[in-house]
Amino acid sequence: MSKVWLDVHYRDLGFDVLVDDTDSISLMDLYEFMFEDSVKQNVILPKYFSLYVLPPITNRKLELCSDRDMLKMWEWFGHKETIVIYLEEKESPSLVFKGAEDNWQKRIKAMAEKARLEAEKAQADRELEELEPFTVAVEVPVANVDGGEDEYVRVFETPLADEVFPGKSQPKPEQNTQPSSQHCQPTSPLNQPKTSGVRRNMTPRKRKRTPKKKPPPQTTSPG
């Protein structure tokens, strides 16, 4: 396993391709690297092309037609960190080029579909956040047993459970508030409003008469 940089030349343009593992890469993989890195570096390639290398033993370019040709290239330049590759346009694609192009198109479609799904998910999350209700917080006063200031427990309603956070009131309640007189009136009959009702006709009470007793007859004694 070795890492090498490829210095790719196409007419007066150029771009770099990094090969991480020369032992596991195939010629079809190399073509896909050309497609990907040329797009990243804003280099427009011809529709069909082939790759060439200049062997050290001759000045004649050798076309990379198979994996065997690529293995020879690694042997020739294995001691170098950078290898010069020449890219030339062709009228028709080779079988290796056509297979690499098909794989590259599939990768482009997969990346576009992934980006679309991520965008839809982000949009759905934003819409869900807008529909969520506001958080309700309630403050409950709690007396301090040590004689200090009263503390207020804030209860937040959450989807899972209520969260309780002890602390001072926000804002602090007013201490000099006078109680309303409406709630301090004694419940006396004098303070009750008079109700006007219909007066009932009272029947005069009949006085009971008792008959007078007759006095006993007077008797006269003889003599």
C-alpha atoms as a PDB file:
ATOM      1  CA  MET A   1       0.000   0.000   0.000  1.00  0.00           C
ATOM      2  CA  SER A   2       1.321   3.429  -0.985  1.00  0.00           C
ATOM      3  CA  LYS A   3       0.007   6.930  -1.570  1.00  0.00           C
ATOM      4  CA  VAL A   4       0.779   8.958  -4.675  1.00  0.00           C
ATOM      5  CA  TRP A   5      -0.312  12.194  -6.334  1.00  0.00           C
ATOM      6  CA  LEU A   6      -1.224  12.275 -10.033  1.00  0.00           C
ATOM      7  CA  ASP A   7      -0.463  15.500 -11.902  1.00  0.00           C
ATOM      8  CA  VAL A   8      -3.055  15.389 -14.705  1.00  0.00           C
ATOM      9  CA  HIS A   9      -2.495  17.506 -17.837  1.00  0.00           C
ATOM     10  CA  TYR A  10      -5.208  18.287 -20.387  1.00  0.00           C
ATOM     11  CA  ARG A  11      -4.157  20.806 -23.043  1.00  0.00           C
ATOM     12  CA  ASP A  12      -3.248  23.948 -21.095  1.00  0.00           C
ATOM     13  CA  LEU A  13      -5.299  22.885 -18.052  1.00  0.00           C
ATOM     14  CA  GLY A  14      -4.321  20.750 -15.117  1.00  0.00           C
ATOM     15  CA  PHE A  15      -5.611  19.302 -11.850  1.00  0.00           C
ATOM     16  CA  ASP A  16      -4.437  16.933  -9.108  1.00  0.00           C
ATOM     17  CA  VAL A  17      -5.726  13.494  -8.136  1.00  0.00           C
ATOM     18  CA  LEU A  18      -4.761  11.756  -4.891  1.00  0.00           C
ATOM     19  CA  VAL A  19      -4.532   7.954  -4.859  1.00  0.00           C
ATOM     20  CA  ASP A  20      -4.561   6.649  -1.280  1.00  0.00           C
ATOM     21  CA  ASP A  21      -3.889   2.974  -2.018  1.00  0.00           C
ATOM     22  CA  THR A  22      -2.156   1.942  -5.232  1.00  0.00           C
ATOM     23  CA  ASP A  23      -2.587  -1.764  -4.416  1.00  0.00           C
ATOM     24  CA  SER A  24      -6.412  -1.744  -4.329  1.00  0.00           C
ATOM     25  CA  ILE A  25      -7.289   0.774  -7.038  1.00  0.00           C
ATOM     26  CA  SER A  26      -8.454  -0.291 -10.494  1.00  0.00           C
ATOM     27  CA  LEU A  27      -8.382   1.579 -13.800  1.00  0.00           C
ATOM     28  CA  MET A  28     -12.141   2.098 -13.588  1.00  0.00           C
ATOM     29  CA  ASP A  29     -11.669   3.652 -10.129  1.00  0.00           C
ATOM     30  CA  LEU A  30      -9.013   5.935 -11.556  1.00  0.00           C
ATOM     31  CA  TYR A  31     -11.418   7.214 -14.206  1.00  0.00           C
ATOM     32  CA  GLU A  32     -13.996   7.957 -11.506  1.00  0.00           C
ATOM     33  CA  PHE A  33     -11.346   9.913  -9.590  1.00  0.00           C
ATOM     34  CA  MET A  34     -10.775  11.958 -12.738  1.00  0.00           C
ATOM     35  CA  PHE A  35     -14.490  12.762 -13.002  1.00  0.00           C
ATOM     36  CA  GLU A  36     -14.805  13.757  -9.343  1.00  0.00           C
ATOM     37  CA  ASP A  37     -11.608  15.784  -8.864  1.00  0.00           C
ATOM     38  CA  SER A  38     -11.970  17.673 -12.143  1.00  0.00           C
ATOM     39  CA  VAL A  39     -15.402  18.902 -10.998  1.00  0.00           C
ATOM     40  CA  LYS A  40     -14.002  19.949  -7.611  1.00  0.00           C
ATOM     41  CA  GLN A  41     -11.201  21.903  -9.286  1.00  0.00           C
ATOM     42  CA  ASN A  42     -13.419  23.468 -11.995  1.00  0.00           C
ATOM     43  CA  VAL A  43     -11.755  21.735 -14.931  1.00  0.00           C
ATOM     44  CA  ILE A  44     -14.041  20.826 -17.843  1.00  0.00           C
ATOM     45  CA  LEU A  45     -13.072  17.492 -19.420  1.00  0.00           C
ATOM     46  CA  PRO A  46     -13.999  16.239 -22.886  1.00  0.00           C
ATOM     47  CA  LYS A  47     -16.910  13.857 -23.313  1.00  0.00           C
ATOM     48  CA  TYR A  48     -14.627  10.864 -23.973  1.00  0.00           C
ATOM     49  CA  PHE A  49     -10.951  10.632 -23.133  1.00  0.00           C
ATOM     50  CA  SER A  50      -8.097   8.251 -22.422  1.00  0.00           C
ATOM     51  CA  LEU A  51      -5.183   8.353 -19.990  1.00  0.00           C
ATOM     52  CA  TYR A  52      -1.528   8.169 -20.977  1.00  0.00           C
ATOM     53  CA  VAL A  53       1.756   7.947 -19.125  1.00  0.00           C
ATOM     54  CA  LEU A  54       5.315   8.551 -20.302  1.00  0.00           C
ATOM     55  CA  PRO A  55       7.533   5.581 -19.293  1.00  0.00           C
ATOM     56  CA  PRO A  56      11.040   6.389 -18.072  1.00  0.00           C
ATOM     57  CA  ILE A  57      12.685   4.065 -20.654  1.00  0.00           C
ATOM     58  CA  THR A  58      11.120   5.708 -23.716  1.00  0.00           C
ATOM     59  CA  ASN A  59       9.704   9.034 -24.896  1.00  0.00           C
ATOM     60  CA  ARG A  60       6.618   7.372 -26.277  1.00  0.00           C
ATOM     61  CA  LYS A  61       3.345   7.711 -24.417  1.00  0.00           C
ATOM     62  CA  LEU A  62       1.683   4.529 -23.195  1.00  0.00           C
ATOM     63  CA  GLU A  63      -2.098   4.391 -23.017  1.00  0.00           C
ATOM     64  CA  LEU A  64      -3.588   2.911 -19.863  1.00  0.00           C
ATOM     65  CA  CYS A  65      -6.018   0.357 -21.285  1.00  0.00           C
ATOM     66  CA  SER A  66      -6.217  -2.168 -18.452  1.00  0.00           C
ATOM     67  CA  ASP A  67      -5.315  -2.787 -14.827  1.00  0.00           C
ATOM     68  CA  ARG A  68      -2.100  -4.481 -15.983  1.00  0.00           C
ATOM     69  CA  ASP A  69      -0.940  -1.268 -17.644  1.00  0.00           C
ATOM     70  CA  MET A  70      -1.673   0.641 -14.465  1.00  0.00           C
ATOM     71  CA  LEU A  71       0.346  -1.846 -12.376  1.00  0.00           C
ATOM     72  CA  LYS A  72       3.312  -1.258 -14.685  1.00  0.00           C
ATOM     73  CA  MET A  73       2.984   2.463 -14.072  1.00  0.00           C
ATOM     74  CA  TRP A  74       3.208   1.909 -10.289  1.00  0.00           C
ATOM     75  CA  GLU A  75       6.358  -0.165 -10.798  1.00  0.00           C
ATOM     76  CA  TRP A  76       7.996   2.445 -12.999  1.00  0.00           C
ATOM     77  CA  PHE A  77       7.277   5.401 -10.685  1.00  0.00           C
ATOM     78  CA  GLY A  78       6.927   3.652  -7.309  1.00  0.00           C
ATOM     79  CA  HIS A  79       9.757   5.698  -5.828  1.00  0.00           C
ATOM     80  CA  LYS A  80       8.158   9.053  -6.767  1.00  0.00           C
ATOM     81  CA  GLU A  81       5.579  11.047  -4.866  1.00  0.00           C
ATOM     82  CA  THR A  82       4.028  12.542  -8.023  1.00  0.00           C
ATOM     83  CA  ILE A  83       3.311  10.928 -11.403  1.00  0.00           C
ATOM     84  CA  VAL A  84       2.465  12.915 -14.509  1.00  0.00           C
ATOM     85  CA  ILE A  85      -0.656  11.726 -16.373  1.00  0.00           C
ATOM     86  CA  TYR A  86      -1.759  12.970 -19.794  1.00  0.00           C
ATOM     87  CA  LEU A  87      -5.449  13.158 -20.635  1.00  0.00           C
ATOM     88  CA  GLU A  88      -6.418  13.200 -24.320  1.00  0.00           C
ATOM     89  CA  GLU A  89      -9.782  13.424 -26.035  1.00  0.00           C
ATOM     90  CA  LYS A  90     -11.202  10.483 -28.001  1.00  0.00           C
ATOM     91  CA  GLU A  91     -14.104  10.093 -30.398  1.00  0.00           C
ATOM     92  CA  SER A  92     -15.602   6.988 -28.740  1.00  0.00           C
ATOM     93  CA  PRO A  93     -15.351   5.588 -25.211  1.00  0.00           C
ATOM     94  CA  SER A  94     -13.590   2.410 -24.262  1.00  0.00           C
ATOM     95  CA  LEU A  95     -15.315  -0.318 -22.254  1.00  0.00           C
ATOM     96  CA  VAL A  96     -13.497   0.721 -19.093  1.00  0.00           C
ATOM     97  CA  PHE A  97     -14.416   4.372 -19.603  1.00  0.00           C
ATOM     98  CA  LYS A  98     -18.059   3.511 -20.259  1.00  0.00           C
ATOM     99  CA  GLY A  99     -18.277   1.408 -17.077  1.00  0.00           C
ATOM    100  CA  ALA A 100     -16.670   4.174 -15.020  1.00  0.00           C
ATOM    101  CA  GLU A 101     -19.048   6.763 -16.499  1.00  0.00           C
ATOM    102  CA  ASP A 102     -22.096   4.645 -15.606  1.00  0.00           C
ATOM    103  CA  ASN A 103     -20.886   4.282 -12.026  1.00  0.00           C
ATOM    104  CA  TRP A 104     -20.231   8.015 -11.802  1.00  0.00           C
ATOM    105  CA  GLN A 105     -23.740   8.875 -13.011  1.00  0.00           C
ATOM    106  CA  LYS A 106     -25.209   6.570 -10.375  1.00  0.00           C
ATOM    107  CA  ARG A 107     -23.143   8.285  -7.692  1.00  0.00           C
ATOM    108  CA  ILE A 108     -24.329  11.711  -8.860  1.00  0.00           C
ATOM    109  CA  LYS A 109     -27.976  10.622  -8.678  1.00  0.00           C
ATOM    110  CA  ALA A 110     -27.463   9.106  -5.228  1.00  0.00           C
ATOM    111  CA  MET A 111     -25.827  12.302  -3.936  1.00  0.00           C
ATOM    112  CA  ALA A 112     -28.626  14.434  -5.402  1.00  0.00           C
ATOM    113  CA  GLU A 113     -31.281  12.216  -3.799  1.00  0.00           C
ATOM    114  CA  LYS A 114     -29.498  12.383  -0.442  1.00  0.00           C
ATOM    115  CA  ALA A 115     -29.313  16.177  -0.634  1.00  0.00           C
ATOM    116  CA  ARG A 116     -33.021  16.354  -1.515  1.00  0.00           C
ATOM    117  CA  LEU A 117     -34.023  14.167   1.440  1.00  0.00           C
ATOM    118  CA  GLU A 118     -31.883  16.192   3.839  1.00  0.00           C
ATOM    119  CA  ALA A 119     -33.440  19.439   2.590  1.00  0.00           C
ATOM    120  CA  GLU A 120     -36.970  18.040   2.997  1.00  0.00           C
ATOM    121  CA  LYS A 121     -36.165  16.824   6.511  1.00  0.00           C
ATOM    122  CA  ALA A 122     -34.755  20.223   7.485  1.00  0.00           C
ATOM    123  CA  GLN A 123     -37.888  21.928   6.135  1.00  0.00           C
ATOM    124  CA  ALA A 124     -40.158  19.519   8.026  1.00  0.00           C
ATOM    125  CA  ASP A 125     -38.227  20.135  11.250  1.00  0.00           C
ATOM    126  CA  ARG A 126     -38.614  23.914  10.862  1.00  0.00           C
ATOM    127  CA  GLU A 127     -42.353  23.586  10.265  1.00  0.00           C
ATOM    128  CA  LEU A 128     -42.688  21.307  13.303  1.00  0.00           C
ATOM    129  CA  GLU A 129     -40.879  23.809  15.517  1.00  0.00           C
ATOM    130  CA  GLU A 130     -43.250  26.552  14.387  1.00  0.00           C
ATOM    131  CA  LEU A 131     -46.255  24.420  15.368  1.00  0.00           C
ATOM    132  CA  GLU A 132     -44.978  23.579  18.847  1.00  0.00           C
ATOM    133  CA  PRO A 133     -46.897  25.370  21.664  1.00  0.00           C
ATOM    134  CA  PHE A 134     -45.256  27.898  23.895  1.00  0.00           C
ATOM    135  CA  THR A 135     -43.686  26.630  27.122  1.00  0.00           C
ATOM    136  CA  VAL A 136     -45.779  27.454  30.180  1.00  0.00           C
ATOM    137  CA  ALA A 137     -43.958  28.364  33.398  1.00  0.00           C
ATOM    138  CA  VAL A 138     -45.690  28.643  36.765  1.00  0.00           C
ATOM    139  CA  GLU A 139     -44.100  30.102  39.918  1.00  0.00           C
ATOM    140  CA  VAL A 140     -45.055  28.566  43.254  1.00  0.00           C
ATOM    141  CA  PRO A 141     -43.933  30.366  46.468  1.00  0.00           C
ATOM    142  CA  VAL A 142     -42.153  28.162  49.034  1.00  0.00           C
ATOM    143  CA  ALA A 143     -41.471  29.384  52.585  1.00  0.00           C
ATOM    144  CA  ASN A 144     -37.886  29.196  53.808  1.00  0.00           C
ATOM    145  CA  VAL A 145     -37.663  27.330  57.155  1.00  0.00           C
ATOM    146  CA  ASP A 146     -34.481  29.213  58.107  1.00  0.00           C
ATOM    147  CA  GLY A 147     -36.300  32.515  58.173  1.00  0.00           C
ATOM    148  CA  GLY A 148     -34.861  33.952  54.978  1.00  0.00           C
ATOM    149  CA  GLU A 149     -36.599  35.216  51.921  1.00  0.00           C
ATOM    150  CA  ASP A 150     -39.255  33.139  50.297  1.00  0.00           C
ATOM    151  CA  GLU A 151     -38.157  31.080  47.334  1.00  0.00           C
ATOM    152  CA  TYR A 152     -40.158  30.473  44.224  1.00  0.00           C
ATOM    153  CA  VAL A 153     -40.254  27.155  42.416  1.00  0.00           C
ATOM    154  CA  ARG A 154     -40.678  27.489  38.672  1.00  0.00           C
ATOM    155  CA  VAL A 155     -42.485  24.583  37.067  1.00  0.00           C
ATOM    156  CA  PHE A 156     -42.035  24.196  33.296  1.00  0.00           C
ATOM    157  CA  GLU A 157     -44.423  22.012  31.372  1.00  0.00           C
ATOM    158  CA  THR A 158     -42.514  19.738  28.984  1.00  0.00           C
ATOM    159  CA  PRO A 159     -43.657  16.839  26.762  1.00  0.00           C
ATOM    160  CA  LEU A 160     -41.981  14.283  29.050  1.00  0.00           C
ATOM    161  CA  ALA A 161     -42.505  15.635  32.573  1.00  0.00           C
ATOM    162  CA  ASP A 162     -42.579  18.796  34.650  1.00  0.00           C
ATOM    163  CA  GLU A 163     -39.189  20.358  35.310  1.00  0.00           C
ATOM    164  CA  VAL A 164     -38.746  22.160  38.639  1.00  0.00           C
ATOM    165  CA  PHE A 165     -36.128  24.898  39.137  1.00  0.00           C
ATOM    166  CA  PRO A 166     -35.932  26.469  42.635  1.00  0.00           C
ATOM    167  CA  GLY A 167     -34.794  30.064  42.915  1.00  0.00           C
ATOM    168  CA  LYS A 168     -35.884  33.643  43.372  1.00  0.00           C
ATOM    169  CA  SER A 169     -38.941  34.964  41.657  1.00  0.00           C
ATOM    170  CA  GLN A 170     -38.537  36.558  38.233  1.00  0.00           C
ATOM    171  CA  PRO A 171     -39.626  39.307  38.594  1.00  0.00           C
ATOM    172  CA  LYS A 172     -39.761  39.695  42.380  1.00  0.00           C
ATOM    173  CA  PRO A 173     -43.356  40.144  43.599  1.00  0.00           C
ATOM    174  CA  GLU A 174     -44.388  43.370  45.308  1.00  0.00           C
ATOM    175  CA  GLN A 175     -44.416  43.134  49.136  1.00  0.00           C
ATOM    176  CA  ASN A 176     -46.414  46.302  49.969  1.00  0.00           C
ATOM    177  CA  THR A 177     -49.505  45.424  48.057  1.00  0.00           C
ATOM    178  CA  GLN A 178     -52.580  46.180  50.200  1.00  0.00           C
ATOM    179  CA  PRO A 179     -55.320  43.605  50.191  1.00  0.00           C
ATOM    180  CA  SER A 180     -58.408  44.606  48.365  1.00  0.00           C
ATOM    181  CA  SER A 181     -61.192  45.979  50.581  1.00  0.00           C
ATOM    182  CA  GLN A 182     -63.634  43.904  48.647  1.00  0.00           C
ATOM    183  CA  HIS A 183     -62.286  40.754  50.282  1.00  0.00           C
ATOM    184  CA  CYS A 184     -62.002  42.222  53.833  1.00  0.00           C
ATOM    185  CA  GLN A 185     -65.640  43.261  54.471  1.00  0.00           C
ATOM    186  CA  PRO A 186     -67.132  41.351  57.455  1.00  0.00           C
ATOM    187  CA  THR A 187     -70.155  39.328  56.702  1.00  0.00           C
ATOM    188  CA  SER A 188     -72.524  41.329  58.942  1.00  0.00           C
ATOM    189  CA  PRO A 189     -76.229  41.629  58.296  1.00  0.00           C
ATOM    190  CA  LEU A 190     -75.819  45.413  58.394  1.00  0.00           C
ATOM    191  CA  ASN A 191     -73.570  45.304  55.377  1.00  0.00           C
ATOM    192  CA  GLN A 192     -75.919  43.194  53.374  1.00  0.00           C
ATOM    193  CA  PRO A 193     -77.948  45.052  50.776  1.00  0.00           C
ATOM    194  CA  LYS A 194     -81.605  45.547  51.577  1.00  0.00           C
ATOM    195  CA  THR A 195     -83.945  43.613  49.424  1.00  0.00           C
ATOM    196  CA  SER A 196     -87.288  45.034  48.544  1.00  0.00           C
ATOM    197  CA  GLY A 197     -89.939  42.354  48.624  1.00  0.00           C
ATOM    198  CA  VAL A 198     -93.703  42.244  48.376  1.00  0.00           C
ATOM    199  CA  ARG A 199     -95.308  42.837  51.761  1.00  0.00           C
ATOM    200  CA  ARG A 200     -97.793  40.185  52.781  1.00  0.00           C
ATOM    201  CA  ASN A 201    -101.243  41.132  54.076  1.00  0.00           C
ATOM    202  CA  MET A 202    -101.333  40.205  57.751  1.00  0.00           C
ATOM    203  CA  THR A 203    -104.698  38.953  59.080  1.00  0.00           C
ATOM    204  CA  PRO A 204    -105.472  40.612  62.489  1.00  0.00           C
ATOM    205  CA  ARG A 205    -105.229  38.193  65.330  1.00  0.00           C
ATOM    206  CA  LYS A 206    -108.571  37.365  66.954  1.00  0.00           C
ATOM    207  CA  ARG A 207    -108.553  37.890  70.657  1.00  0.00           C
ATOM    208  CA  LYS A 208    -109.927  35.028  72.679  1.00  0.00           C
ATOM    209  CA  ARG A 209    -112.828  36.013  74.909  1.00  0.00           C
ATOM    210  CA  THR A 210    -113.580  34.106  78.103  1.00  0.00           C
ATOM    211  CA  PRO A 211    -117.146  34.277  79.596  1.00  0.00           C
ATOM    212  CA  LYS A 212    -117.507  36.071  82.873  1.00  0.00           C
ATOM    213  CA  LYS A 213    -118.465  33.885  85.857  1.00  0.00           C
ATOM    214  CA  LYS A 214    -121.667  34.787  87.722  1.00  0.00           C
ATOM    215  CA  PRO A 215    -121.127  35.580  91.406  1.00  0.00           C
ATOM    216  CA  PRO A 216    -122.618  33.089  93.829  1.00  0.00           C
ATOM    217  CA  PRO A 217    -126.014  34.065  95.300  1.00  0.00           C
ATOM    218  CA  GLN A 218    -125.885  35.856  98.544  1.00  0.00           C
ATOM    219  CA  THR A 219    -127.600  34.136 101.481  1.00  0.00           C
ATOM    220  CA  THR A 220    -129.057  35.800 104.593  1.00  0.00           C
ATOM    221  CA  SER A 221    -128.797  34.148 107.966  1.00  0.00           C
ATOM    222  CA  PRO A 222    -132.021  33.907 110.077  1.00  0.00           C
ATOM    223  CA  GLY A 223    -132.380  35.944 113.068  1.00  0.00           C
END
